[in-house]
Amino acid sequence: MNQFKTVALLGLLSALLITIGYWLIGGWTGAFIGMALAAVTNLGSWYFSDRIALAAYGAQPISYEQAPNLYQMVQKLCDRAGLPMPGVYIVSSPAANAFATGRDPEHAAVAVTEGILNILPDDELEAVIAHELSHIYNRDTLTQAVSATIAGAISFIAQMVSYSMWFSGGRDDRDGPNPLGMLLTVILAPIAATVIQLGISRTREFSADAGAAKLTGNPRALARALQRLEAGARQMPIEGNPAFEPLLIINSFSGEFLGNLFSTHPSTEARIQALLKLEQQLPSRY
């Protein structure tokens, strides 16, 4: 069900981009241009997703010699999950967060901040890494990168249309773009794209949490990590491109006042409750 919902939401994002082309250029020519833009955007985000996301947070690759404990932890979990070893990156930030990216398990990367290495004990850090590896296993990293790129393209087009309307001075151009379409593009398209993108992100987080719990056999460790990370995010959010915030394991800022609709993740309380419920279903580790 979650996979079907994700595909449907990605389809809506691409359809929105095509519709914008229809509104702004007019007729089927505009629709075909929108379709071509959607295809190029999807292809570009598929191929360059890892580089784009890593650059957005200034992540730097590290070697085994630089962080042997982290490398061993990632390798152990990859062996257990049957995944190839991803690239390991460090984000030079005191904020505590982590993310995974890449178009497939063979071209994947896991990035953690210096802050998360400093505040989490080993069992909780292992649970966080297992969560990110679950995203890689489920290919959520590609899905989230594509949705972020398309949503970013829609927002960029809306901004350009806004500038065009401003500098046109409200001229009456009967052969130009549909005025109503331009207005809807400027006002509603970015909101719709954001809501769809965030819906995709929330759908995938529960699956990754469950995957991490099964991979480590310790759902409670991830529950504790989420509590600790949320408290840290309220005090010290990570800096980066907001379009890639859905990749992070936890909201990079406290957004309760925005409501669930505009949240990049399910509520931490809901995630913890799901993990504790799963703990009762898993065999005891002892």
C-alpha atoms as a PDB file:
ATOM      1  CA  MET A   1       0.000   0.000   0.000  1.00  0.00           C
ATOM      2  CA  ASN A   2       2.820   2.426   0.892  1.00  0.00           C
ATOM      3  CA  GLN A   3       4.573   1.654  -2.418  1.00  0.00           C
ATOM      4  CA  PHE A   4       1.369   2.307  -4.383  1.00  0.00           C
ATOM      5  CA  LYS A   5       0.829   5.576  -2.549  1.00  0.00           C
ATOM      6  CA  THR A   6       4.407   6.672  -3.288  1.00  0.00           C
ATOM      7  CA  VAL A   7       4.077   5.929  -7.020  1.00  0.00           C
ATOM      8  CA  ALA A   8       0.739   7.760  -7.140  1.00  0.00           C
ATOM      9  CA  LEU A   9       2.192  10.837  -5.455  1.00  0.00           C
ATOM     10  CA  LEU A  10       5.205  10.900  -7.788  1.00  0.00           C
ATOM     11  CA  GLY A  11       2.785  10.683 -10.697  1.00  0.00           C
ATOM     12  CA  LEU A  12       0.874  13.663  -9.321  1.00  0.00           C
ATOM     13  CA  LEU A  13       4.070  15.707  -9.101  1.00  0.00           C
ATOM     14  CA  SER A  14       4.944  14.989 -12.735  1.00  0.00           C
ATOM     15  CA  ALA A  15       1.354  15.689 -13.797  1.00  0.00           C
ATOM     16  CA  LEU A  16       1.502  19.035 -12.023  1.00  0.00           C
ATOM     17  CA  LEU A  17       4.639  19.949 -13.978  1.00  0.00           C
ATOM     18  CA  ILE A  18       2.929  18.996 -17.250  1.00  0.00           C
ATOM     19  CA  THR A  19      -0.160  21.012 -16.312  1.00  0.00           C
ATOM     20  CA  ILE A  20       1.985  24.069 -15.634  1.00  0.00           C
ATOM     21  CA  GLY A  21       3.399  23.759 -19.151  1.00  0.00           C
ATOM     22  CA  TYR A  22      -0.148  23.581 -20.521  1.00  0.00           C
ATOM     23  CA  TRP A  23      -1.185  26.697 -18.578  1.00  0.00           C
ATOM     24  CA  LEU A  24       1.839  28.825 -19.349  1.00  0.00           C
ATOM     25  CA  ILE A  25       2.508  27.971 -22.989  1.00  0.00           C
ATOM     26  CA  GLY A  26      -0.934  26.850 -24.017  1.00  0.00           C
ATOM     27  CA  GLY A  27      -2.453  23.770 -25.622  1.00  0.00           C
ATOM     28  CA  TRP A  28      -0.756  20.481 -26.294  1.00  0.00           C
ATOM     29  CA  THR A  29       2.508  22.196 -27.174  1.00  0.00           C
ATOM     30  CA  GLY A  30       2.764  23.415 -23.589  1.00  0.00           C
ATOM     31  CA  ALA A  31       1.762  20.004 -22.261  1.00  0.00           C
ATOM     32  CA  PHE A  32       4.466  18.284 -24.329  1.00  0.00           C
ATOM     33  CA  ILE A  33       7.058  20.801 -23.131  1.00  0.00           C
ATOM     34  CA  GLY A  34       5.961  20.149 -19.556  1.00  0.00           C
ATOM     35  CA  MET A  35       6.203  16.413 -20.213  1.00  0.00           C
ATOM     36  CA  ALA A  36       9.713  16.820 -21.615  1.00  0.00           C
ATOM     37  CA  LEU A  37      10.704  18.933 -18.615  1.00  0.00           C
ATOM     38  CA  ALA A  38       9.312  16.285 -16.249  1.00  0.00           C
ATOM     39  CA  ALA A  39      11.272  13.567 -18.085  1.00  0.00           C
ATOM     40  CA  VAL A  40      14.515  15.542 -18.039  1.00  0.00           C
ATOM     41  CA  THR A  41      14.034  16.418 -14.367  1.00  0.00           C
ATOM     42  CA  ASN A  42      13.362  12.793 -13.439  1.00  0.00           C
ATOM     43  CA  LEU A  43      16.356  11.555 -15.441  1.00  0.00           C
ATOM     44  CA  GLY A  44      18.677  14.206 -14.021  1.00  0.00           C
ATOM     45  CA  SER A  45      17.607  13.574 -10.436  1.00  0.00           C
ATOM     46  CA  TRP A  46      17.955   9.805 -10.999  1.00  0.00           C
ATOM     47  CA  TYR A  47      21.530  10.061 -12.222  1.00  0.00           C
ATOM     48  CA  PHE A  48      22.814  12.925 -10.055  1.00  0.00           C
ATOM     49  CA  SER A  49      20.689  12.415  -6.924  1.00  0.00           C
ATOM     50  CA  ASP A  50      23.589  11.409  -4.678  1.00  0.00           C
ATOM     51  CA  ARG A  51      25.831  14.300  -5.720  1.00  0.00           C
ATOM     52  CA  ILE A  52      23.027  16.856  -5.442  1.00  0.00           C
ATOM     53  CA  ALA A  53      21.983  15.798  -1.944  1.00  0.00           C
ATOM     54  CA  LEU A  54      25.533  15.490  -0.603  1.00  0.00           C
ATOM     55  CA  ALA A  55      26.433  18.911  -1.971  1.00  0.00           C
ATOM     56  CA  ALA A  56      23.284  20.422  -0.440  1.00  0.00           C
ATOM     57  CA  TYR A  57      24.617  19.655   3.051  1.00  0.00           C
ATOM     58  CA  GLY A  58      28.336  19.984   2.334  1.00  0.00           C
ATOM     59  CA  ALA A  59      28.981  16.303   3.082  1.00  0.00           C
ATOM     60  CA  GLN A  60      32.588  15.131   2.707  1.00  0.00           C
ATOM     61  CA  PRO A  61      33.734  11.525   2.088  1.00  0.00           C
ATOM     62  CA  ILE A  62      35.787   9.870   4.786  1.00  0.00           C
ATOM     63  CA  SER A  63      38.038   6.818   4.788  1.00  0.00           C
ATOM     64  CA  TYR A  64      38.131   3.810   7.110  1.00  0.00           C
ATOM     65  CA  GLU A  65      41.215   5.241   8.810  1.00  0.00           C
ATOM     66  CA  GLN A  66      39.368   8.468   9.653  1.00  0.00           C
ATOM     67  CA  ALA A  67      36.363   6.771  11.306  1.00  0.00           C
ATOM     68  CA  PRO A  68      36.964   3.026  11.816  1.00  0.00           C
ATOM     69  CA  ASN A  69      34.123   2.540  14.316  1.00  0.00           C
ATOM     70  CA  LEU A  70      31.573   4.161  11.989  1.00  0.00           C
ATOM     71  CA  TYR A  71      32.831   2.172   9.017  1.00  0.00           C
ATOM     72  CA  GLN A  72      32.649  -1.117  10.917  1.00  0.00           C
ATOM     73  CA  MET A  73      29.115  -0.328  12.058  1.00  0.00           C
ATOM     74  CA  VAL A  74      27.951   0.432   8.516  1.00  0.00           C
ATOM     75  CA  GLN A  75      29.698  -2.663   7.115  1.00  0.00           C
ATOM     76  CA  LYS A  76      28.176  -4.964   9.734  1.00  0.00           C
ATOM     77  CA  LEU A  77      24.655  -3.727   9.005  1.00  0.00           C
ATOM     78  CA  CYS A  78      25.209  -3.929   5.230  1.00  0.00           C
ATOM     79  CA  ASP A  79      26.359  -7.531   5.548  1.00  0.00           C
ATOM     80  CA  ARG A  80      23.285  -8.325   7.600  1.00  0.00           C
ATOM     81  CA  ALA A  81      20.965  -6.621   5.089  1.00  0.00           C
ATOM     82  CA  GLY A  82      22.704  -8.021   2.009  1.00  0.00           C
ATOM     83  CA  LEU A  83      23.631  -4.549   0.737  1.00  0.00           C
ATOM     84  CA  PRO A  84      26.863  -3.377  -0.900  1.00  0.00           C
ATOM     85  CA  MET A  85      28.930  -0.983   1.185  1.00  0.00           C
ATOM     86  CA  PRO A  86      27.783   2.595   0.488  1.00  0.00           C
ATOM     87  CA  GLY A  87      29.987   5.657   0.527  1.00  0.00           C
ATOM     88  CA  VAL A  88      30.339   7.086   4.021  1.00  0.00           C
ATOM     89  CA  TYR A  89      30.226  10.856   4.482  1.00  0.00           C
ATOM     90  CA  ILE A  90      30.494  13.324   7.338  1.00  0.00           C
ATOM     91  CA  VAL A  91      28.672  16.640   7.493  1.00  0.00           C
ATOM     92  CA  SER A  92      30.681  19.207   9.411  1.00  0.00           C
ATOM     93  CA  SER A  93      27.839  20.447  11.603  1.00  0.00           C
ATOM     94  CA  PRO A  94      27.152  20.341  15.337  1.00  0.00           C
ATOM     95  CA  ALA A  95      23.498  19.622  14.538  1.00  0.00           C
ATOM     96  CA  ALA A  96      22.550  15.967  15.048  1.00  0.00           C
ATOM     97  CA  ASN A  97      21.107  14.408  11.898  1.00  0.00           C
ATOM     98  CA  ALA A  98      21.717  11.825   9.170  1.00  0.00           C
ATOM     99  CA  PHE A  99      20.540  10.937   5.685  1.00  0.00           C
ATOM    100  CA  ALA A 100      21.064   8.470   2.845  1.00  0.00           C
ATOM    101  CA  THR A 101      21.063   9.147  -0.876  1.00  0.00           C
ATOM    102  CA  GLY A 102      21.766   7.455  -4.208  1.00  0.00           C
ATOM    103  CA  ARG A 103      19.883   6.126  -7.216  1.00  0.00           C
ATOM    104  CA  ASP A 104      20.297   2.460  -6.206  1.00  0.00           C
ATOM    105  CA  PRO A 105      22.164   0.335  -3.630  1.00  0.00           C
ATOM    106  CA  GLU A 106      25.232   0.201  -5.902  1.00  0.00           C
ATOM    107  CA  HIS A 107      25.431   4.015  -6.029  1.00  0.00           C
ATOM    108  CA  ALA A 108      24.440   4.936  -2.489  1.00  0.00           C
ATOM    109  CA  ALA A 109      25.866   7.017   0.314  1.00  0.00           C
ATOM    110  CA  VAL A 110      25.192   7.427   4.013  1.00  0.00           C
ATOM    111  CA  ALA A 111      25.971  10.756   5.647  1.00  0.00           C
ATOM    112  CA  VAL A 112      26.011  11.600   9.341  1.00  0.00           C
ATOM    113  CA  THR A 113      26.759  14.872  11.053  1.00  0.00           C
ATOM    114  CA  GLU A 114      29.529  15.400  13.558  1.00  0.00           C
ATOM    115  CA  GLY A 115      26.796  16.293  16.029  1.00  0.00           C
ATOM    116  CA  ILE A 116      25.066  12.915  15.815  1.00  0.00           C
ATOM    117  CA  LEU A 117      28.367  11.103  16.378  1.00  0.00           C
ATOM    118  CA  ASN A 118      28.880  13.141  19.536  1.00  0.00           C
ATOM    119  CA  ILE A 119      25.482  12.666  21.196  1.00  0.00           C
ATOM    120  CA  LEU A 120      24.316   9.129  20.352  1.00  0.00           C
ATOM    121  CA  PRO A 121      25.561   5.981  22.094  1.00  0.00           C
ATOM    122  CA  ASP A 122      26.552   3.115  19.823  1.00  0.00           C
ATOM    123  CA  ASP A 123      23.239   1.207  19.932  1.00  0.00           C
ATOM    124  CA  GLU A 124      21.267   4.313  18.977  1.00  0.00           C
ATOM    125  CA  LEU A 125      23.727   5.309  16.250  1.00  0.00           C
ATOM    126  CA  GLU A 126      23.497   1.783  14.868  1.00  0.00           C
ATOM    127  CA  ALA A 127      19.695   2.107  14.780  1.00  0.00           C
ATOM    128  CA  VAL A 128      19.941   5.427  12.901  1.00  0.00           C
ATOM    129  CA  ILE A 129      22.320   3.945  10.329  1.00  0.00           C
ATOM    130  CA  ALA A 130      20.008   0.938   9.953  1.00  0.00           C
ATOM    131  CA  HIS A 131      17.171   3.371   9.247  1.00  0.00           C
ATOM    132  CA  GLU A 132      19.212   5.010   6.475  1.00  0.00           C
ATOM    133  CA  LEU A 133      20.225   1.644   5.020  1.00  0.00           C
ATOM    134  CA  SER A 134      16.543   0.668   4.959  1.00  0.00           C
ATOM    135  CA  HIS A 135      15.912   3.732   2.793  1.00  0.00           C
ATOM    136  CA  ILE A 136      18.637   2.495   0.439  1.00  0.00           C
ATOM    137  CA  TYR A 137      17.271  -1.059   0.417  1.00  0.00           C
ATOM    138  CA  ASN A 138      13.762   0.209  -0.394  1.00  0.00           C
ATOM    139  CA  ARG A 139      15.161   2.696  -2.946  1.00  0.00           C
ATOM    140  CA  ASP A 140      13.510   5.529  -1.047  1.00  0.00           C
ATOM    141  CA  THR A 141      16.645   7.583  -1.633  1.00  0.00           C
ATOM    142  CA  LEU A 142      15.854   7.788  -5.354  1.00  0.00           C
ATOM    143  CA  THR A 143      12.153   8.437  -4.757  1.00  0.00           C
ATOM    144  CA  GLN A 144      12.850  11.274  -2.347  1.00  0.00           C
ATOM    145  CA  ALA A 145      15.523  12.827  -4.563  1.00  0.00           C
ATOM    146  CA  VAL A 146      13.213  12.767  -7.593  1.00  0.00           C
ATOM    147  CA  SER A 147      10.332  14.294  -5.639  1.00  0.00           C
ATOM    148  CA  ALA A 148      12.605  16.985  -4.201  1.00  0.00           C
ATOM    149  CA  THR A 149      13.978  17.849  -7.645  1.00  0.00           C
ATOM    150  CA  ILE A 150      10.554  18.038  -9.331  1.00  0.00           C
ATOM    151  CA  ALA A 151       9.130  20.078  -6.458  1.00  0.00           C
ATOM    152  CA  GLY A 152      12.143  22.374  -6.677  1.00  0.00           C
ATOM    153  CA  ALA A 153      11.643  22.768 -10.440  1.00  0.00           C
ATOM    154  CA  ILE A 154       7.983  23.687  -9.921  1.00  0.00           C
ATOM    155  CA  SER A 155       8.887  26.257  -7.281  1.00  0.00           C
ATOM    156  CA  PHE A 156      11.570  27.704  -9.574  1.00  0.00           C
ATOM    157  CA  ILE A 157       9.104  28.025 -12.477  1.00  0.00           C
ATOM    158  CA  ALA A 158       6.595  29.699 -10.164  1.00  0.00           C
ATOM    159  CA  GLN A 159       9.249  32.184  -9.067  1.00  0.00           C
ATOM    160  CA  MET A 160      10.170  32.977 -12.676  1.00  0.00           C
ATOM    161  CA  VAL A 161       6.496  33.466 -13.575  1.00  0.00           C
ATOM    162  CA  SER A 162       6.125  35.765 -10.589  1.00  0.00           C
ATOM    163  CA  TYR A 163       9.028  37.895 -11.834  1.00  0.00           C
ATOM    164  CA  SER A 164       7.541  37.900 -15.340  1.00  0.00           C
ATOM    165  CA  MET A 165       4.181  39.131 -14.051  1.00  0.00           C
ATOM    166  CA  TRP A 166       5.902  41.814 -11.987  1.00  0.00           C
ATOM    167  CA  PHE A 167       7.999  43.195 -14.840  1.00  0.00           C
ATOM    168  CA  SER A 168       5.231  42.927 -17.428  1.00  0.00           C
ATOM    169  CA  GLY A 169       3.337  45.567 -15.498  1.00  0.00           C
ATOM    170  CA  GLY A 170       0.052  43.803 -16.037  1.00  0.00           C
ATOM    171  CA  ARG A 171       0.033  44.269 -19.863  1.00  0.00           C
ATOM    172  CA  ASP A 172      -2.840  42.715 -21.750  1.00  0.00           C
ATOM    173  CA  ASP A 173      -1.245  40.155 -24.018  1.00  0.00           C
ATOM    174  CA  ARG A 174      -4.004  38.097 -25.615  1.00  0.00           C
ATOM    175  CA  ASP A 175      -1.556  35.771 -27.359  1.00  0.00           C
ATOM    176  CA  GLY A 176       0.504  35.165 -24.242  1.00  0.00           C
ATOM    177  CA  PRO A 177       0.150  32.629 -21.438  1.00  0.00           C
ATOM    178  CA  ASN A 178      -3.166  32.048 -19.743  1.00  0.00           C
ATOM    179  CA  PRO A 179      -3.412  34.723 -16.992  1.00  0.00           C
ATOM    180  CA  LEU A 180      -5.368  32.407 -14.701  1.00  0.00           C
ATOM    181  CA  GLY A 181      -2.801  29.675 -15.292  1.00  0.00           C
ATOM    182  CA  MET A 182       0.000  32.086 -14.424  1.00  0.00           C
ATOM    183  CA  LEU A 183      -1.738  33.100 -11.214  1.00  0.00           C
ATOM    184  CA  LEU A 184      -2.375  29.494 -10.198  1.00  0.00           C
ATOM    185  CA  THR A 185       1.245  28.621 -10.998  1.00  0.00           C
ATOM    186  CA  VAL A 186       2.560  31.406  -8.797  1.00  0.00           C
ATOM    187  CA  ILE A 187       0.217  30.807  -5.848  1.00  0.00           C
ATOM    188  CA  LEU A 188      -0.978  27.216  -5.814  1.00  0.00           C
ATOM    189  CA  ALA A 189       1.588  25.126  -7.718  1.00  0.00           C
ATOM    190  CA  PRO A 190       4.447  25.455  -5.172  1.00  0.00           C
ATOM    191  CA  ILE A 191       2.058  24.671  -2.308  1.00  0.00           C
ATOM    192  CA  ALA A 192       0.653  21.615  -4.104  1.00  0.00           C
ATOM    193  CA  ALA A 193       4.152  20.401  -5.000  1.00  0.00           C
ATOM    194  CA  THR A 194       5.316  20.784  -1.416  1.00  0.00           C
ATOM    195  CA  VAL A 195       2.301  18.949   0.011  1.00  0.00           C
ATOM    196  CA  ILE A 196       2.778  16.045  -2.417  1.00  0.00           C
ATOM    197  CA  GLN A 197       6.530  15.881  -1.772  1.00  0.00           C
ATOM    198  CA  LEU A 198       6.042  15.837   1.982  1.00  0.00           C
ATOM    199  CA  GLY A 199       3.353  13.167   1.658  1.00  0.00           C
ATOM    200  CA  ILE A 200       5.901  10.952  -0.119  1.00  0.00           C
ATOM    201  CA  SER A 201       8.463  11.583   2.628  1.00  0.00           C
ATOM    202  CA  ARG A 202       6.082  10.744   5.474  1.00  0.00           C
ATOM    203  CA  THR A 203       4.966   7.551   3.732  1.00  0.00           C
ATOM    204  CA  ARG A 204       8.513   6.241   3.521  1.00  0.00           C
ATOM    205  CA  GLU A 205       9.642   7.085   7.079  1.00  0.00           C
ATOM    206  CA  PHE A 206       7.449   4.493   8.803  1.00  0.00           C
ATOM    207  CA  SER A 207       8.740   1.804   6.426  1.00  0.00           C
ATOM    208  CA  ALA A 208      12.362   2.760   7.109  1.00  0.00           C
ATOM    209  CA  ASP A 209      11.768   2.763  10.875  1.00  0.00           C
ATOM    210  CA  ALA A 210      10.302  -0.739  10.677  1.00  0.00           C
ATOM    211  CA  GLY A 211      13.176  -1.909   8.480  1.00  0.00           C
ATOM    212  CA  ALA A 212      15.719  -0.558  10.956  1.00  0.00           C
ATOM    213  CA  ALA A 213      13.973  -2.239  13.871  1.00  0.00           C
ATOM    214  CA  LYS A 214      14.042  -5.599  12.108  1.00  0.00           C
ATOM    215  CA  LEU A 215      17.640  -5.150  10.976  1.00  0.00           C
ATOM    216  CA  THR A 216      18.967  -4.386  14.461  1.00  0.00           C
ATOM    217  CA  GLY A 217      16.383  -6.353  16.424  1.00  0.00           C
ATOM    218  CA  ASN A 218      16.219  -3.349  18.771  1.00  0.00           C
ATOM    219  CA  PRO A 219      13.266  -1.030  18.005  1.00  0.00           C
ATOM    220  CA  ARG A 220      13.645   0.740  21.351  1.00  0.00           C
ATOM    221  CA  ALA A 221      17.134   1.987  20.447  1.00  0.00           C
ATOM    222  CA  LEU A 222      15.728   3.833  17.427  1.00  0.00           C
ATOM    223  CA  ALA A 223      12.867   5.175  19.553  1.00  0.00           C
ATOM    224  CA  ARG A 224      15.362   6.612  22.042  1.00  0.00           C
ATOM    225  CA  ALA A 225      17.478   8.037  19.209  1.00  0.00           C
ATOM    226  CA  LEU A 226      14.465   9.781  17.672  1.00  0.00           C
ATOM    227  CA  GLN A 227      13.597  11.378  21.001  1.00  0.00           C
ATOM    228  CA  ARG A 228      17.155  12.584  21.458  1.00  0.00           C
ATOM    229  CA  LEU A 229      17.440  13.856  17.874  1.00  0.00           C
ATOM    230  CA  GLU A 230      14.159  15.745  17.998  1.00  0.00           C
ATOM    231  CA  ALA A 231      15.210  17.525  21.187  1.00  0.00           C
ATOM    232  CA  GLY A 232      18.512  18.466  19.547  1.00  0.00           C
ATOM    233  CA  ALA A 233      16.841  19.652  16.320  1.00  0.00           C
ATOM    234  CA  ARG A 234      14.734  22.130  18.275  1.00  0.00           C
ATOM    235  CA  GLN A 235      17.868  23.739  19.668  1.00  0.00           C
ATOM    236  CA  MET A 236      20.219  23.412  16.686  1.00  0.00           C
ATOM    237  CA  PRO A 237      18.740  22.791  13.205  1.00  0.00           C
ATOM    238  CA  ILE A 238      21.010  21.690  10.384  1.00  0.00           C
ATOM    239  CA  GLU A 239      21.677  24.163   7.587  1.00  0.00           C
ATOM    240  CA  GLY A 240      21.038  23.094   4.017  1.00  0.00           C
ATOM    241  CA  ASN A 241      18.678  23.260   1.053  1.00  0.00           C
ATOM    242  CA  PRO A 242      15.109  22.939   2.434  1.00  0.00           C
ATOM    243  CA  ALA A 243      14.088  20.916  -0.639  1.00  0.00           C
ATOM    244  CA  PHE A 244      16.226  18.031   0.650  1.00  0.00           C
ATOM    245  CA  GLU A 245      14.960  18.113   4.222  1.00  0.00           C
ATOM    246  CA  PRO A 246      12.775  15.008   3.613  1.00  0.00           C
ATOM    247  CA  LEU A 247      16.021  13.013   3.279  1.00  0.00           C
ATOM    248  CA  LEU A 248      16.934  13.689   6.919  1.00  0.00           C
ATOM    249  CA  ILE A 249      16.033  11.221   9.648  1.00  0.00           C
ATOM    250  CA  ILE A 250      14.370  13.928  11.728  1.00  0.00           C
ATOM    251  CA  ASN A 251      12.840  17.334  11.018  1.00  0.00           C
ATOM    252  CA  SER A 252      15.644  19.861  11.093  1.00  0.00           C
ATOM    253  CA  PHE A 253      13.443  22.330  12.940  1.00  0.00           C
ATOM    254  CA  SER A 254      10.413  22.243  15.163  1.00  0.00           C
ATOM    255  CA  GLY A 255       7.433  22.662  12.869  1.00  0.00           C
ATOM    256  CA  GLU A 256       4.490  21.646  15.016  1.00  0.00           C
ATOM    257  CA  PHE A 257       2.731  24.940  14.397  1.00  0.00           C
ATOM    258  CA  LEU A 258       2.607  24.173  10.671  1.00  0.00           C
ATOM    259  CA  GLY A 259       0.573  21.058  11.291  1.00  0.00           C
ATOM    260  CA  ASN A 260       1.016  17.576   9.914  1.00  0.00           C
ATOM    261  CA  LEU A 261       0.210  18.623   6.321  1.00  0.00           C
ATOM    262  CA  PHE A 262       3.440  20.606   5.950  1.00  0.00           C
ATOM    263  CA  SER A 263       5.665  18.309   7.999  1.00  0.00           C
ATOM    264  CA  THR A 264       8.471  16.458   6.238  1.00  0.00           C
ATOM    265  CA  HIS A 265       8.129  13.525   8.649  1.00  0.00           C
ATOM    266  CA  PRO A 266       5.422  11.843  10.710  1.00  0.00           C
ATOM    267  CA  SER A 267       5.344  13.076  14.288  1.00  0.00           C
ATOM    268  CA  THR A 268       8.140  11.626  16.406  1.00  0.00           C
ATOM    269  CA  GLU A 269       5.537  10.427  18.909  1.00  0.00           C
ATOM    270  CA  ALA A 270       3.729   8.444  16.190  1.00  0.00           C
ATOM    271  CA  ARG A 271       7.001   6.920  15.010  1.00  0.00           C
ATOM    272  CA  ILE A 272       7.966   5.921  18.546  1.00  0.00           C
ATOM    273  CA  GLN A 273       4.565   4.350  19.190  1.00  0.00           C
ATOM    274  CA  ALA A 274       4.882   2.319  15.980  1.00  0.00           C
ATOM    275  CA  LEU A 275       8.360   1.154  17.029  1.00  0.00           C
ATOM    276  CA  LEU A 276       7.219   0.114  20.503  1.00  0.00           C
ATOM    277  CA  LYS A 277       4.311  -1.776  18.976  1.00  0.00           C
ATOM    278  CA  LEU A 278       6.732  -3.535  16.635  1.00  0.00           C
ATOM    279  CA  GLU A 279       8.967  -4.404  19.592  1.00  0.00           C
ATOM    280  CA  GLN A 280       6.192  -6.570  20.997  1.00  0.00           C
ATOM    281  CA  GLN A 281       5.996  -8.518  17.738  1.00  0.00           C
ATOM    282  CA  LEU A 282       9.720  -9.177  17.308  1.00  0.00           C
ATOM    283  CA  PRO A 283      11.432 -12.129  19.033  1.00  0.00           C
ATOM    284  CA  SER A 284      13.428 -11.215  22.116  1.00  0.00           C
ATOM    285  CA  ARG A 285      17.117 -10.561  21.535  1.00  0.00           C
ATOM    286  CA  TYR A 286      18.009 -12.255  24.834  1.00  0.00           C
END
